[in-house]
Amino acid sequence: MKARMPKGYGKTDVNALMRQAQKMQEDMQNKQAELEATEYHATAAGGMIEVTMLGNHQVTSVKIKPEAVDPDDVEMLEDMVAAAVNEAVRLVDENSAAEMGKITGGLNIPGMNL
């Protein structure tokens, strides 16, 4: 005797799955645009250097306190600026991954650099 399954059991509603995938894609595009417009502020050397960066990794400003400038040690200033930029990049990437992860439920979607 064959067991009968309830109607629709074990079948996937492809249309519903496609609508769900399309909604997720739209949500991700909207969130990506929002994240790219977000400003991030990072500092280095105890606040001597401050970098402002958009979510698309575009640096919009660099502020350097006068006491950070030593004409005899330009290399240290360069290192402090690099540290502040790297911190801003880390903040952008960390926040983007967290926000996009909320939408995707932690799925690793190919083509998404998160």
PDB file of N, CA and C in Angstrom:
ATOM      1  N   MET A   1       0.847  -1.179   0.000  1.00  0.00           N
ATOM      2  CA  MET A   1       0.000   0.000   0.000  1.00  0.00           C
ATOM      3  C   MET A   1       0.890   1.238   0.000  1.00  0.00           C
ATOM      4  N   LYS A   2       0.599   2.189  -0.864  1.00  0.00           N
ATOM      5  CA  LYS A   2       1.345   3.424  -0.982  1.00  0.00           C
ATOM      6  C   LYS A   2       0.816   4.455   0.008  1.00  0.00           C
ATOM      7  N   ALA A   3       1.768   5.144   0.627  1.00  0.00           N
ATOM      8  CA  ALA A   3       1.362   6.232   1.517  1.00  0.00           C
ATOM      9  C   ALA A   3       1.075   7.467   0.685  1.00  0.00           C
ATOM     10  N   ARG A   4       0.024   8.149   1.035  1.00  0.00           N
ATOM     11  CA  ARG A   4      -0.320   9.371   0.308  1.00  0.00           C
ATOM     12  C   ARG A   4       0.113  10.578   1.125  1.00  0.00           C
ATOM     13  N   MET A   5       0.716  11.510   0.430  1.00  0.00           N
ATOM     14  CA  MET A   5       1.143  12.761   1.055  1.00  0.00           C
ATOM     15  C   MET A   5       0.048  13.792   0.855  1.00  0.00           C
ATOM     16  N   PRO A   6      -0.064  14.711   1.789  1.00  0.00           N
ATOM     17  CA  PRO A   6      -1.042  15.784   1.605  1.00  0.00           C
ATOM     18  C   PRO A   6      -0.724  16.564   0.338  1.00  0.00           C
ATOM     19  N   LYS A   7      -1.766  17.134  -0.265  1.00  0.00           N
ATOM     20  CA  LYS A   7      -1.604  17.878  -1.512  1.00  0.00           C
ATOM     21  C   LYS A   7      -0.588  19.000  -1.326  1.00  0.00           C
ATOM     22  N   GLY A   8       0.352  19.094  -2.256  1.00  0.00           N
ATOM     23  CA  GLY A   8       1.350  20.149  -2.223  1.00  0.00           C
ATOM     24  C   GLY A   8       2.550  19.843  -1.342  1.00  0.00           C
ATOM     25  N   TYR A   9       2.515  18.763  -0.599  1.00  0.00           N
ATOM     26  CA  TYR A   9       3.607  18.431   0.303  1.00  0.00           C
ATOM     27  C   TYR A   9       4.837  18.049  -0.505  1.00  0.00           C
ATOM     28  N   GLY A  10       5.963  18.653  -0.158  1.00  0.00           N
ATOM     29  CA  GLY A  10       7.211  18.319  -0.819  1.00  0.00           C
ATOM     30  C   GLY A  10       7.448  19.086  -2.099  1.00  0.00           C
ATOM     31  N   LYS A  11       6.485  19.887  -2.526  1.00  0.00           N
ATOM     32  CA  LYS A  11       6.654  20.682  -3.737  1.00  0.00           C
ATOM     33  C   LYS A  11       6.995  22.116  -3.344  1.00  0.00           C
ATOM     34  N   THR A  12       7.869  22.694  -4.118  1.00  0.00           N
ATOM     35  CA  THR A  12       8.272  24.067  -3.869  1.00  0.00           C
ATOM     36  C   THR A  12       7.489  24.985  -4.795  1.00  0.00           C
ATOM     37  N   ASP A  13       6.952  26.052  -4.242  1.00  0.00           N
ATOM     38  CA  ASP A  13       6.268  27.062  -5.042  1.00  0.00           C
ATOM     39  C   ASP A  13       7.340  27.950  -5.657  1.00  0.00           C
ATOM     40  N   VAL A  14       7.684  27.671  -6.908  1.00  0.00           N
ATOM     41  CA  VAL A  14       8.769  28.368  -7.588  1.00  0.00           C
ATOM     42  C   VAL A  14       8.469  29.854  -7.702  1.00  0.00           C
ATOM     43  N   ASN A  15       7.231  30.201  -7.968  1.00  0.00           N
ATOM     44  CA  ASN A  15       6.870  31.614  -8.095  1.00  0.00           C
ATOM     45  C   ASN A  15       7.084  32.355  -6.776  1.00  0.00           C
ATOM     46  N   ALA A  16       6.701  31.744  -5.684  1.00  0.00           N
ATOM     47  CA  ALA A  16       6.895  32.374  -4.378  1.00  0.00           C
ATOM     48  C   ALA A  16       8.381  32.509  -4.076  1.00  0.00           C
ATOM     49  N   LEU A  17       9.149  31.520  -4.439  1.00  0.00           N
ATOM     50  CA  LEU A  17      10.596  31.565  -4.235  1.00  0.00           C
ATOM     51  C   LEU A  17      11.222  32.683  -5.068  1.00  0.00           C
ATOM     52  N   MET A  18      10.782  32.847  -6.294  1.00  0.00           N
ATOM     53  CA  MET A  18      11.290  33.914  -7.161  1.00  0.00           C
ATOM     54  C   MET A  18      10.906  35.293  -6.617  1.00  0.00           C
ATOM     55  N   ARG A  19       9.668  35.425  -6.113  1.00  0.00           N
ATOM     56  CA  ARG A  19       9.254  36.706  -5.532  1.00  0.00           C
ATOM     57  C   ARG A  19      10.095  37.039  -4.301  1.00  0.00           C
ATOM     58  N   GLN A  20      10.375  36.033  -3.501  1.00  0.00           N
ATOM     59  CA  GLN A  20      11.193  36.222  -2.302  1.00  0.00           C
ATOM     60  C   GLN A  20      12.625  36.634  -2.683  1.00  0.00           C
ATOM     61  N   ALA A  21      13.178  35.991  -3.701  1.00  0.00           N
ATOM     62  CA  ALA A  21      14.531  36.329  -4.154  1.00  0.00           C
ATOM     63  C   ALA A  21      14.567  37.745  -4.733  1.00  0.00           C
ATOM     64  N   GLN A  22      13.540  38.119  -5.487  1.00  0.00           N
ATOM     65  CA  GLN A  22      13.486  39.461  -6.056  1.00  0.00           C
ATOM     66  C   GLN A  22      13.362  40.508  -4.953  1.00  0.00           C
ATOM     67  N   LYS A  23      12.555  40.225  -3.944  1.00  0.00           N
ATOM     68  CA  LYS A  23      12.395  41.155  -2.811  1.00  0.00           C
ATOM     69  C   LYS A  23      13.727  41.312  -2.076  1.00  0.00           C
ATOM     70  N   MET A  24      14.441  40.206  -1.865  1.00  0.00           N
ATOM     71  CA  MET A  24      15.737  40.271  -1.194  1.00  0.00           C
ATOM     72  C   MET A  24      16.721  41.102  -2.020  1.00  0.00           C
ATOM     73  N   GLN A  25      16.695  40.924  -3.329  1.00  0.00           N
ATOM     74  CA  GLN A  25      17.591  41.686  -4.199  1.00  0.00           C
ATOM     75  C   GLN A  25      17.271  43.177  -4.117  1.00  0.00           C
ATOM     76  N   GLU A  26      15.995  43.536  -4.140  1.00  0.00           N
ATOM     77  CA  GLU A  26      15.601  44.943  -4.020  1.00  0.00           C
ATOM     78  C   GLU A  26      16.027  45.516  -2.673  1.00  0.00           C
ATOM     79  N   ASP A  27      15.809  44.750  -1.604  1.00  0.00           N
ATOM     80  CA  ASP A  27      16.208  45.190  -0.260  1.00  0.00           C
ATOM     81  C   ASP A  27      17.717  45.414  -0.192  1.00  0.00           C
ATOM     82  N   MET A  28      18.469  44.507  -0.819  1.00  0.00           N
ATOM     83  CA  MET A  28      19.929  44.627  -0.799  1.00  0.00           C
ATOM     84  C   MET A  28      20.385  45.857  -1.582  1.00  0.00           C
ATOM     85  N   GLN A  29      19.758  46.125  -2.730  1.00  0.00           N
ATOM     86  CA  GLN A  29      20.127  47.302  -3.515  1.00  0.00           C
ATOM     87  C   GLN A  29      19.816  48.585  -2.749  1.00  0.00           C
ATOM     88  N   ASN A  30      18.659  48.623  -2.099  1.00  0.00           N
ATOM     89  CA  ASN A  30      18.300  49.805  -1.312  1.00  0.00           C
ATOM     90  C   ASN A  30      19.265  50.007  -0.152  1.00  0.00           C
ATOM     91  N   LYS A  31      19.590  48.929   0.539  1.00  0.00           N
ATOM     92  CA  LYS A  31      20.509  49.020   1.671  1.00  0.00           C
ATOM     93  C   LYS A  31      21.896  49.427   1.196  1.00  0.00           C
ATOM     94  N   GLN A  32      22.336  48.898   0.057  1.00  0.00           N
ATOM     95  CA  GLN A  32      23.646  49.250  -0.481  1.00  0.00           C
ATOM     96  C   GLN A  32      23.719  50.744  -0.785  1.00  0.00           C
ATOM     97  N   ALA A  33      22.671  51.286  -1.381  1.00  0.00           N
ATOM     98  CA  ALA A  33      22.645  52.724  -1.679  1.00  0.00           C
ATOM     99  C   ALA A  33      22.680  53.530  -0.378  1.00  0.00           C
ATOM    100  N   GLU A  34      21.941  53.084   0.602  1.00  0.00           N
ATOM    101  CA  GLU A  34      21.936  53.759   1.909  1.00  0.00           C
ATOM    102  C   GLU A  34      23.317  53.708   2.559  1.00  0.00           C
ATOM    103  N   LEU A  35      23.946  52.550   2.515  1.00  0.00           N
ATOM    104  CA  LEU A  35      25.274  52.396   3.122  1.00  0.00           C
ATOM    105  C   LEU A  35      26.318  53.240   2.404  1.00  0.00           C
ATOM    106  N   GLU A  36      26.222  53.342   1.089  1.00  0.00           N
ATOM    107  CA  GLU A  36      27.194  54.125   0.330  1.00  0.00           C
ATOM    108  C   GLU A  36      27.102  55.609   0.652  1.00  0.00           C
ATOM    109  N   ALA A  37      25.935  56.071   1.066  1.00  0.00           N
ATOM    110  CA  ALA A  37      25.750  57.482   1.395  1.00  0.00           C
ATOM    111  C   ALA A  37      26.073  57.788   2.867  1.00  0.00           C
ATOM    112  N   THR A  38      26.295  56.765   3.670  1.00  0.00           N
ATOM    113  CA  THR A  38      26.579  56.955   5.086  1.00  0.00           C
ATOM    114  C   THR A  38      27.996  57.459   5.287  1.00  0.00           C
ATOM    115  N   GLU A  39      28.156  58.431   6.200  1.00  0.00           N
ATOM    116  CA  GLU A  39      29.482  58.945   6.532  1.00  0.00           C
ATOM    117  C   GLU A  39      30.046  58.206   7.735  1.00  0.00           C
ATOM    118  N   TYR A  40      31.323  57.913   7.665  1.00  0.00           N
ATOM    119  CA  TYR A  40      32.038  57.257   8.749  1.00  0.00           C
ATOM    120  C   TYR A  40      33.199  58.150   9.158  1.00  0.00           C
ATOM    121  N   HIS A  41      33.430  58.232  10.457  1.00  0.00           N
ATOM    122  CA  HIS A  41      34.535  59.030  10.983  1.00  0.00           C
ATOM    123  C   HIS A  41      35.477  58.098  11.733  1.00  0.00           C
ATOM    124  N   ALA A  42      36.758  58.211  11.444  1.00  0.00           N
ATOM    125  CA  ALA A  42      37.761  57.403  12.132  1.00  0.00           C
ATOM    126  C   ALA A  42      38.911  58.317  12.526  1.00  0.00           C
ATOM    127  N   THR A  43      39.527  57.981  13.665  1.00  0.00           N
ATOM    128  CA  THR A  43      40.655  58.779  14.131  1.00  0.00           C
ATOM    129  C   THR A  43      41.855  57.881  14.360  1.00  0.00           C
ATOM    130  N   ALA A  44      43.014  58.528  14.427  1.00  0.00           N
ATOM    131  CA  ALA A  44      44.258  57.818  14.736  1.00  0.00           C
ATOM    132  C   ALA A  44      45.113  58.753  15.573  1.00  0.00           C
ATOM    133  N   ALA A  45      46.092  58.183  16.213  1.00  0.00           N
ATOM    134  CA  ALA A  45      47.056  58.933  17.029  1.00  0.00           C
ATOM    135  C   ALA A  45      46.337  59.763  18.090  1.00  0.00           C
ATOM    136  N   GLY A  46      45.414  59.110  18.781  1.00  0.00           N
ATOM    137  CA  GLY A  46      44.723  59.786  19.874  1.00  0.00           C
ATOM    138  C   GLY A  46      43.894  60.972  19.432  1.00  0.00           C
ATOM    139  N   GLY A  47      43.334  60.926  18.238  1.00  0.00           N
ATOM    140  CA  GLY A  47      42.491  61.995  17.741  1.00  0.00           C
ATOM    141  C   GLY A  47      43.238  63.086  16.989  1.00  0.00           C
ATOM    142  N   MET A  48      44.530  62.907  16.800  1.00  0.00           N
ATOM    143  CA  MET A  48      45.318  63.914  16.080  1.00  0.00           C
ATOM    144  C   MET A  48      44.942  63.950  14.592  1.00  0.00           C
ATOM    145  N   ILE A  49      44.524  62.813  14.065  1.00  0.00           N
ATOM    146  CA  ILE A  49      44.130  62.697  12.662  1.00  0.00           C
ATOM    147  C   ILE A  49      42.702  62.191  12.628  1.00  0.00           C
ATOM    148  N   GLU A  50      41.847  62.830  11.824  1.00  0.00           N
ATOM    149  CA  GLU A  50      40.476  62.360  11.655  1.00  0.00           C
ATOM    150  C   GLU A  50      40.180  62.261  10.166  1.00  0.00           C
ATOM    151  N   VAL A  51      39.627  61.118   9.767  1.00  0.00           N
ATOM    152  CA  VAL A  51      39.272  60.876   8.376  1.00  0.00           C
ATOM    153  C   VAL A  51      37.763  60.661   8.314  1.00  0.00           C
ATOM    154  N   THR A  52      37.134  61.315   7.335  1.00  0.00           N
ATOM    155  CA  THR A  52      35.716  61.091   7.060  1.00  0.00           C
ATOM    156  C   THR A  52      35.624  60.395   5.717  1.00  0.00           C
ATOM    157  N   MET A  53      34.856  59.317   5.698  1.00  0.00           N
ATOM    158  CA  MET A  53      34.752  58.488   4.504  1.00  0.00           C
ATOM    159  C   MET A  53      33.300  58.111   4.291  1.00  0.00           C
ATOM    160  N   LEU A  54      32.889  58.058   3.029  1.00  0.00           N
ATOM    161  CA  LEU A  54      31.554  57.571   2.696  1.00  0.00           C
ATOM    162  C   LEU A  54      31.581  56.046   2.634  1.00  0.00           C
ATOM    163  N   GLY A  55      30.404  55.456   2.641  1.00  0.00           N
ATOM    164  CA  GLY A  55      30.293  54.004   2.601  1.00  0.00           C
ATOM    165  C   GLY A  55      30.810  53.377   1.326  1.00  0.00           C
ATOM    166  N   ASN A  56      31.050  54.177   0.296  1.00  0.00           N
ATOM    167  CA  ASN A  56      31.623  53.650  -0.942  1.00  0.00           C
ATOM    168  C   ASN A  56      33.142  53.801  -0.953  1.00  0.00           C
ATOM    169  N   HIS A  57      33.724  54.053   0.229  1.00  0.00           N
ATOM    170  CA  HIS A  57      35.164  54.182   0.457  1.00  0.00           C
ATOM    171  C   HIS A  57      35.763  55.470  -0.112  1.00  0.00           C
ATOM    172  N   GLN A  58      34.943  56.461  -0.396  1.00  0.00           N
ATOM    173  CA  GLN A  58      35.442  57.749  -0.867  1.00  0.00           C
ATOM    174  C   GLN A  58      35.765  58.616   0.344  1.00  0.00           C
ATOM    175  N   VAL A  59      37.029  59.040   0.444  1.00  0.00           N
ATOM    176  CA  VAL A  59      37.448  59.915   1.535  1.00  0.00           C
ATOM    177  C   VAL A  59      36.949  61.321   1.221  1.00  0.00           C
ATOM    178  N   THR A  60      36.182  61.895   2.151  1.00  0.00           N
ATOM    179  CA  THR A  60      35.627  63.232   1.927  1.00  0.00           C
ATOM    180  C   THR A  60      36.388  64.311   2.688  1.00  0.00           C
ATOM    181  N   SER A  61      37.079  63.929   3.756  1.00  0.00           N
ATOM    182  CA  SER A  61      37.909  64.922   4.445  1.00  0.00           C
ATOM    183  C   SER A  61      38.957  64.251   5.314  1.00  0.00           C
ATOM    184  N   VAL A  62      40.050  64.983   5.494  1.00  0.00           N
ATOM    185  CA  VAL A  62      41.127  64.578   6.397  1.00  0.00           C
ATOM    186  C   VAL A  62      41.449  65.804   7.231  1.00  0.00           C
ATOM    187  N   LYS A  63      41.352  65.649   8.555  1.00  0.00           N
ATOM    188  CA  LYS A  63      41.677  66.749   9.458  1.00  0.00           C
ATOM    189  C   LYS A  63      42.910  66.367  10.263  1.00  0.00           C
ATOM    190  N   ILE A  64      43.861  67.282  10.310  1.00  0.00           N
ATOM    191  CA  ILE A  64      45.115  67.046  11.023  1.00  0.00           C
ATOM    192  C   ILE A  64      45.311  68.189  12.006  1.00  0.00           C
ATOM    193  N   LYS A  65      45.443  67.836  13.275  1.00  0.00           N
ATOM    194  CA  LYS A  65      45.700  68.866  14.281  1.00  0.00           C
ATOM    195  C   LYS A  65      47.123  69.402  14.085  1.00  0.00           C
ATOM    196  N   PRO A  66      47.301  70.698  14.260  1.00  0.00           N
ATOM    197  CA  PRO A  66      48.620  71.307  14.016  1.00  0.00           C
ATOM    198  C   PRO A  66      49.753  70.652  14.804  1.00  0.00           C
ATOM    199  N   GLU A  67      49.469  70.205  16.010  1.00  0.00           N
ATOM    200  CA  GLU A  67      50.535  69.601  16.812  1.00  0.00           C
ATOM    201  C   GLU A  67      50.986  68.246  16.274  1.00  0.00           C
ATOM    202  N   ALA A  68      50.232  67.685  15.320  1.00  0.00           N
ATOM    203  CA  ALA A  68      50.629  66.411  14.700  1.00  0.00           C
ATOM    204  C   ALA A  68      51.677  66.625  13.611  1.00  0.00           C
ATOM    205  N   VAL A  69      51.846  67.864  13.183  1.00  0.00           N
ATOM    206  CA  VAL A  69      52.752  68.163  12.077  1.00  0.00           C
ATOM    207  C   VAL A  69      54.145  68.498  12.619  1.00  0.00           C
ATOM    208  N   ASP A  70      55.081  67.635  12.305  1.00  0.00           N
ATOM    209  CA  ASP A  70      56.481  67.852  12.664  1.00  0.00           C
ATOM    210  C   ASP A  70      57.273  67.799  11.362  1.00  0.00           C
ATOM    211  N   PRO A  71      57.766  68.949  10.901  1.00  0.00           N
ATOM    212  CA  PRO A  71      58.477  68.973   9.626  1.00  0.00           C
ATOM    213  C   PRO A  71      59.674  68.028   9.585  1.00  0.00           C
ATOM    214  N   ASP A  72      60.200  67.673  10.739  1.00  0.00           N
ATOM    215  CA  ASP A  72      61.346  66.771  10.774  1.00  0.00           C
ATOM    216  C   ASP A  72      60.938  65.297  10.764  1.00  0.00           C
ATOM    217  N   ASP A  73      59.636  65.040  10.880  1.00  0.00           N
ATOM    218  CA  ASP A  73      59.184  63.647  10.918  1.00  0.00           C
ATOM    219  C   ASP A  73      57.904  63.489  10.092  1.00  0.00           C
ATOM    220  N   VAL A  74      57.997  63.752   8.811  1.00  0.00           N
ATOM    221  CA  VAL A  74      56.864  63.644   7.904  1.00  0.00           C
ATOM    222  C   VAL A  74      56.385  62.194   7.827  1.00  0.00           C
ATOM    223  N   GLU A  75      57.290  61.256   7.945  1.00  0.00           N
ATOM    224  CA  GLU A  75      56.939  59.838   7.858  1.00  0.00           C
ATOM    225  C   GLU A  75      55.926  59.451   8.936  1.00  0.00           C
ATOM    226  N   MET A  76      56.059  59.989  10.135  1.00  0.00           N
ATOM    227  CA  MET A  76      55.114  59.663  11.200  1.00  0.00           C
ATOM    228  C   MET A  76      53.725  60.191  10.842  1.00  0.00           C
ATOM    229  N   LEU A  77      53.656  61.391  10.284  1.00  0.00           N
ATOM    230  CA  LEU A  77      52.377  61.955   9.861  1.00  0.00           C
ATOM    231  C   LEU A  77      51.739  61.081   8.783  1.00  0.00           C
ATOM    232  N   GLU A  78      52.528  60.631   7.839  1.00  0.00           N
ATOM    233  CA  GLU A  78      52.026  59.738   6.789  1.00  0.00           C
ATOM    234  C   GLU A  78      51.464  58.453   7.391  1.00  0.00           C
ATOM    235  N   ASP A  79      52.164  57.901   8.369  1.00  0.00           N
ATOM    236  CA  ASP A  79      51.704  56.678   9.030  1.00  0.00           C
ATOM    237  C   ASP A  79      50.396  56.905   9.772  1.00  0.00           C
ATOM    238  N   MET A  80      50.260  58.071  10.423  1.00  0.00           N
ATOM    239  CA  MET A  80      49.029  58.373  11.161  1.00  0.00           C
ATOM    240  C   MET A  80      47.847  58.538  10.208  1.00  0.00           C
ATOM    241  N   VAL A  81      48.072  59.188   9.073  1.00  0.00           N
ATOM    242  CA  VAL A  81      47.002  59.348   8.084  1.00  0.00           C
ATOM    243  C   VAL A  81      46.598  57.979   7.537  1.00  0.00           C
ATOM    244  N   ALA A  82      47.575  57.153   7.217  1.00  0.00           N
ATOM    245  CA  ALA A  82      47.283  55.808   6.711  1.00  0.00           C
ATOM    246  C   ALA A  82      46.496  55.002   7.739  1.00  0.00           C
ATOM    247  N   ALA A  83      46.860  55.112   9.007  1.00  0.00           N
ATOM    248  CA  ALA A  83      46.146  54.383  10.064  1.00  0.00           C
ATOM    249  C   ALA A  83      44.695  54.846  10.164  1.00  0.00           C
ATOM    250  N   ALA A  84      44.465  56.148  10.065  1.00  0.00           N
ATOM    251  CA  ALA A  84      43.100  56.664  10.137  1.00  0.00           C
ATOM    252  C   ALA A  84      42.272  56.207   8.932  1.00  0.00           C
ATOM    253  N   VAL A  85      42.861  56.229   7.742  1.00  0.00           N
ATOM    254  CA  VAL A  85      42.155  55.771   6.541  1.00  0.00           C
ATOM    255  C   VAL A  85      41.832  54.283   6.670  1.00  0.00           C
ATOM    256  N   ASN A  86      42.786  53.496   7.116  1.00  0.00           N
ATOM    257  CA  ASN A  86      42.553  52.057   7.278  1.00  0.00           C
ATOM    258  C   ASN A  86      41.458  51.780   8.297  1.00  0.00           C
ATOM    259  N   GLU A  87      41.415  52.555   9.358  1.00  0.00           N
ATOM    260  CA  GLU A  87      40.365  52.391  10.367  1.00  0.00           C
ATOM    261  C   GLU A  87      39.004  52.737   9.764  1.00  0.00           C
ATOM    262  N   ALA A  88      38.944  53.794   8.964  1.00  0.00           N
ATOM    263  CA  ALA A  88      37.684  54.159   8.313  1.00  0.00           C
ATOM    264  C   ALA A  88      37.221  53.051   7.368  1.00  0.00           C
ATOM    265  N   VAL A  89      38.134  52.487   6.606  1.00  0.00           N
ATOM    266  CA  VAL A  89      37.798  51.375   5.698  1.00  0.00           C
ATOM    267  C   VAL A  89      37.267  50.189   6.497  1.00  0.00           C
ATOM    268  N   ARG A  90      37.910  49.886   7.614  1.00  0.00           N
ATOM    269  CA  ARG A  90      37.457  48.779   8.464  1.00  0.00           C
ATOM    270  C   ARG A  90      36.044  49.026   8.972  1.00  0.00           C
ATOM    271  N   LEU A  91      35.768  50.262   9.409  1.00  0.00           N
ATOM    272  CA  LEU A  91      34.434  50.602   9.903  1.00  0.00           C
ATOM    273  C   LEU A  91      33.381  50.444   8.811  1.00  0.00           C
ATOM    274  N   VAL A  92      33.680  50.930   7.619  1.00  0.00           N
ATOM    275  CA  VAL A  92      32.748  50.821   6.493  1.00  0.00           C
ATOM    276  C   VAL A  92      32.467  49.351   6.192  1.00  0.00           C
ATOM    277  N   ASP A  93      33.514  48.555   6.059  1.00  0.00           N
ATOM    278  CA  ASP A  93      33.347  47.141   5.708  1.00  0.00           C
ATOM    279  C   ASP A  93      32.598  46.372   6.791  1.00  0.00           C
ATOM    280  N   GLU A  94      32.926  46.635   8.033  1.00  0.00           N
ATOM    281  CA  GLU A  94      32.278  45.941   9.148  1.00  0.00           C
ATOM    282  C   GLU A  94      30.791  46.278   9.201  1.00  0.00           C
ATOM    283  N   ASN A  95      30.454  47.562   9.062  1.00  0.00           N
ATOM    284  CA  ASN A  95      29.057  47.971   9.113  1.00  0.00           C
ATOM    285  C   ASN A  95      28.285  47.446   7.908  1.00  0.00           C
ATOM    286  N   SER A  96      28.886  47.495   6.730  1.00  0.00           N
ATOM    287  CA  SER A  96      28.224  46.987   5.529  1.00  0.00           C
ATOM    288  C   SER A  96      27.917  45.496   5.659  1.00  0.00           C
ATOM    289  N   ALA A  97      28.882  44.736   6.128  1.00  0.00           N
ATOM    290  CA  ALA A  97      28.679  43.292   6.290  1.00  0.00           C
ATOM    291  C   ALA A  97      27.562  43.014   7.290  1.00  0.00           C
ATOM    292  N   ALA A  98      27.529  43.757   8.385  1.00  0.00           N
ATOM    293  CA  ALA A  98      26.496  43.543   9.402  1.00  0.00           C
ATOM    294  C   ALA A  98      25.114  43.890   8.862  1.00  0.00           C
ATOM    295  N   GLU A  99      25.001  45.017   8.183  1.00  0.00           N
ATOM    296  CA  GLU A  99      23.703  45.447   7.660  1.00  0.00           C
ATOM    297  C   GLU A  99      23.210  44.537   6.547  1.00  0.00           C
ATOM    298  N   MET A 100      24.088  44.145   5.648  1.00  0.00           N
ATOM    299  CA  MET A 100      23.672  43.257   4.561  1.00  0.00           C
ATOM    300  C   MET A 100      23.364  41.857   5.102  1.00  0.00           C
ATOM    301  N   GLY A 101      24.082  41.452   6.141  1.00  0.00           N
ATOM    302  CA  GLY A 101      23.814  40.158   6.766  1.00  0.00           C
ATOM    303  C   GLY A 101      22.415  40.080   7.360  1.00  0.00           C
ATOM    304  N   LYS A 102      21.888  41.229   7.804  1.00  0.00           N
ATOM    305  CA  LYS A 102      20.518  41.262   8.321  1.00  0.00           C
ATOM    306  C   LYS A 102      19.515  40.936   7.221  1.00  0.00           C
ATOM    307  N   ILE A 103      19.828  41.374   6.006  1.00  0.00           N
ATOM    308  CA  ILE A 103      18.917  41.135   4.884  1.00  0.00           C
ATOM    309  C   ILE A 103      19.043  39.711   4.371  1.00  0.00           C
ATOM    310  N   THR A 104      20.267  39.245   4.223  1.00  0.00           N
ATOM    311  CA  THR A 104      20.493  37.924   3.621  1.00  0.00           C
ATOM    312  C   THR A 104      20.386  36.789   4.626  1.00  0.00           C
ATOM    313  N   GLY A 105      20.274  37.119   5.894  1.00  0.00           N
ATOM    314  CA  GLY A 105      20.213  36.078   6.911  1.00  0.00           C
ATOM    315  C   GLY A 105      21.521  35.329   7.048  1.00  0.00           C
ATOM    316  N   GLY A 106      22.620  35.989   6.694  1.00  0.00           N
ATOM    317  CA  GLY A 106      23.933  35.384   6.824  1.00  0.00           C
ATOM    318  C   GLY A 106      24.336  34.524   5.642  1.00  0.00           C
ATOM    319  N   LEU A 107      23.509  34.488   4.582  1.00  0.00           N
ATOM    320  CA  LEU A 107      23.862  33.711   3.396  1.00  0.00           C
ATOM    321  C   LEU A 107      25.055  34.344   2.714  1.00  0.00           C
ATOM    322  N   ASN A 108      25.945  33.533   2.225  1.00  0.00           N
ATOM    323  CA  ASN A 108      27.080  34.025   1.445  1.00  0.00           C
ATOM    324  C   ASN A 108      26.674  34.018  -0.010  1.00  0.00           C
ATOM    325  N   ILE A 109      26.323  35.192  -0.536  1.00  0.00           N
ATOM    326  CA  ILE A 109      25.822  35.285  -1.896  1.00  0.00           C
ATOM    327  C   ILE A 109      26.967  35.631  -2.838  1.00  0.00           C
ATOM    328  N   PRO A 110      27.203  34.823  -3.846  1.00  0.00           N
ATOM    329  CA  PRO A 110      28.300  35.095  -4.775  1.00  0.00           C
ATOM    330  C   PRO A 110      28.146  36.473  -5.409  1.00  0.00           C
ATOM    331  N   GLY A 111      29.263  37.169  -5.557  1.00  0.00           N
ATOM    332  CA  GLY A 111      29.242  38.480  -6.171  1.00  0.00           C
ATOM    333  C   GLY A 111      29.065  39.606  -5.179  1.00  0.00           C
ATOM    334  N   MET A 112      28.721  39.277  -3.943  1.00  0.00           N
ATOM    335  CA  MET A 112      28.567  40.294  -2.914  1.00  0.00           C
ATOM    336  C   MET A 112      29.849  40.305  -2.097  1.00  0.00           C
ATOM    337  N   ASN A 113      30.597  41.392  -2.176  1.00  0.00           N
ATOM    338  CA  ASN A 113      31.858  41.510  -1.456  1.00  0.00           C
ATOM    339  C   ASN A 113      31.595  42.028  -0.054  1.00  0.00           C
ATOM    340  N   LEU A 114      31.146  41.168   0.800  1.00  0.00           N
ATOM    341  CA  LEU A 114      30.839  41.568   2.173  1.00  0.00           C
ATOM    342  C   LEU A 114      31.750  40.887   3.133  1.00  0.00           C
TER     343      LEU A 114
END
